[in-house]
Amino acid sequence: MKALHLAAYTLLWVGGLNWGLVGLFDFNLVNSLLGSAPAIEKLVYVLVGVATVYIIATHMNDCKVCSKS
């Protein structure tokens, strides 16, 4: 489960950084890196979405701060 959590957390970083770059500089990093492979680019977006749902669903069990209260 730790590997799954780390993979999901990494994908959240990728998604968060990408959205930040899009919002601040109108620069889509994922598209820039994978623009020539739209199927892989779409897969990255889907994986980021799935990772987000996973983190939301498991956050209370995994988070040391939230589980203390």
C-alpha atoms as a PDB file:
ATOM      1  CA  MET A   1       0.000   0.000   0.000  1.00  0.00           C
ATOM      2  CA  LYS A   2       2.918   2.343   0.630  1.00  0.00           C
ATOM      3  CA  ALA A   3       3.998   2.124  -3.014  1.00  0.00           C
ATOM      4  CA  LEU A   4       0.457   2.903  -4.174  1.00  0.00           C
ATOM      5  CA  HIS A   5       0.274   5.871  -1.804  1.00  0.00           C
ATOM      6  CA  LEU A   6       3.640   7.213  -3.021  1.00  0.00           C
ATOM      7  CA  ALA A   7       2.613   6.810  -6.665  1.00  0.00           C
ATOM      8  CA  ALA A   8      -0.665   8.629  -6.027  1.00  0.00           C
ATOM      9  CA  TYR A   9       1.111  11.367  -4.081  1.00  0.00           C
ATOM     10  CA  THR A  10       3.639  11.831  -6.900  1.00  0.00           C
ATOM     11  CA  LEU A  11       0.827  12.118  -9.440  1.00  0.00           C
ATOM     12  CA  LEU A  12      -0.818  14.761  -7.235  1.00  0.00           C
ATOM     13  CA  TRP A  13       2.424  16.743  -7.356  1.00  0.00           C
ATOM     14  CA  VAL A  14       2.520  16.440 -11.145  1.00  0.00           C
ATOM     15  CA  GLY A  15      -1.104  17.552 -11.462  1.00  0.00           C
ATOM     16  CA  GLY A  16      -0.769  20.373  -8.956  1.00  0.00           C
ATOM     17  CA  LEU A  17       2.405  21.751 -10.497  1.00  0.00           C
ATOM     18  CA  ASN A  18       0.931  21.499 -13.978  1.00  0.00           C
ATOM     19  CA  TRP A  19      -2.234  23.404 -12.984  1.00  0.00           C
ATOM     20  CA  GLY A  20      -0.121  26.020 -11.211  1.00  0.00           C
ATOM     21  CA  LEU A  21       2.001  26.530 -14.317  1.00  0.00           C
ATOM     22  CA  VAL A  22      -1.109  26.734 -16.492  1.00  0.00           C
ATOM     23  CA  GLY A  23      -2.687  29.301 -14.185  1.00  0.00           C
ATOM     24  CA  LEU A  24       0.397  31.464 -13.708  1.00  0.00           C
ATOM     25  CA  PHE A  25       2.158  31.251 -17.052  1.00  0.00           C
ATOM     26  CA  ASP A  26      -0.305  29.571 -19.449  1.00  0.00           C
ATOM     27  CA  PHE A  27       2.275  26.774 -19.770  1.00  0.00           C
ATOM     28  CA  ASN A  28       1.120  23.154 -19.810  1.00  0.00           C
ATOM     29  CA  LEU A  29       4.114  21.051 -18.791  1.00  0.00           C
ATOM     30  CA  VAL A  30       2.435  17.708 -19.495  1.00  0.00           C
ATOM     31  CA  ASN A  31       1.461  18.857 -22.988  1.00  0.00           C
ATOM     32  CA  SER A  32       4.955  20.217 -23.596  1.00  0.00           C
ATOM     33  CA  LEU A  33       6.548  16.921 -22.607  1.00  0.00           C
ATOM     34  CA  LEU A  34       3.996  14.593 -24.208  1.00  0.00           C
ATOM     35  CA  GLY A  35       2.351  16.745 -26.883  1.00  0.00           C
ATOM     36  CA  SER A  36       3.498  14.431 -29.638  1.00  0.00           C
ATOM     37  CA  ALA A  37       1.800  11.514 -27.854  1.00  0.00           C
ATOM     38  CA  PRO A  38      -1.776  12.611 -27.101  1.00  0.00           C
ATOM     39  CA  ALA A  39      -2.840   9.145 -25.919  1.00  0.00           C
ATOM     40  CA  ILE A  40      -0.087   9.106 -23.281  1.00  0.00           C
ATOM     41  CA  GLU A  41      -0.892  12.704 -22.325  1.00  0.00           C
ATOM     42  CA  LYS A  42      -4.525  11.724 -21.786  1.00  0.00           C
ATOM     43  CA  LEU A  43      -3.402   8.709 -19.748  1.00  0.00           C
ATOM     44  CA  VAL A  44      -1.371  11.006 -17.472  1.00  0.00           C
ATOM     45  CA  TYR A  45      -4.435  13.206 -16.906  1.00  0.00           C
ATOM     46  CA  VAL A  46      -6.584  10.158 -16.113  1.00  0.00           C
ATOM     47  CA  LEU A  47      -3.959   8.804 -13.703  1.00  0.00           C
ATOM     48  CA  VAL A  48      -3.761  12.172 -11.929  1.00  0.00           C
ATOM     49  CA  GLY A  49      -7.544  12.119 -11.538  1.00  0.00           C
ATOM     50  CA  VAL A  50      -7.565   8.557 -10.216  1.00  0.00           C
ATOM     51  CA  ALA A  51      -4.726   9.404  -7.826  1.00  0.00           C
ATOM     52  CA  THR A  52      -6.700  12.369  -6.529  1.00  0.00           C
ATOM     53  CA  VAL A  53      -9.762  10.231  -5.838  1.00  0.00           C
ATOM     54  CA  TYR A  54      -7.555   7.647  -4.105  1.00  0.00           C
ATOM     55  CA  ILE A  55      -5.889  10.245  -1.872  1.00  0.00           C
ATOM     56  CA  ILE A  56      -9.247  11.806  -0.986  1.00  0.00           C
ATOM     57  CA  ALA A  57     -10.699   8.389  -0.116  1.00  0.00           C
ATOM     58  CA  THR A  58      -7.735   7.273   2.007  1.00  0.00           C
ATOM     59  CA  HIS A  59      -6.573  10.588   3.446  1.00  0.00           C
ATOM     60  CA  MET A  60      -8.014  10.175   6.935  1.00  0.00           C
ATOM     61  CA  ASN A  61      -6.312   6.788   7.382  1.00  0.00           C
ATOM     62  CA  ASP A  62      -2.926   7.846   5.987  1.00  0.00           C
ATOM     63  CA  CYS A  63      -2.549  11.389   7.330  1.00  0.00           C
ATOM     64  CA  LYS A  64      -0.747  11.561  10.674  1.00  0.00           C
ATOM     65  CA  VAL A  65      -2.154  15.011  11.430  1.00  0.00           C
ATOM     66  CA  CYS A  66      -5.783  14.157  10.637  1.00  0.00           C
ATOM     67  CA  SER A  67      -5.748  10.794  12.392  1.00  0.00           C
ATOM     68  CA  LYS A  68      -4.662  12.420  15.699  1.00  0.00           C
ATOM     69  CA  SER A  69      -7.862  14.440  16.048  1.00  0.00           C
END
